[in-house]
Amino acid sequence: VDGCPFEVIPNVERILRRLRHPEHDRVLWLDFICIDQKNTTEKEPQVPLMCAIYSCSSSVIA
């Protein structure tokens, strides 16, 4: 994340590897990574924004 190593759980790693494009960068937004799930102060204002984020996405994988 932001050029730094970021450890994820195995199923998230599998998803990221599966979605990786071999020829160009792909922008992905994963709430698991983009919102600190353990930090309520950060998480509370972000959760209401998720609807807007997902609705502006070209595709969503649930």
Foldseek 3Di string as FASTA:
>chain_A
DVPDDDDDDPVVVVVCVVPADPPDDDDDDDCPPPFPPVDCVRPVVVVVCVVVVQVPDPDDDD
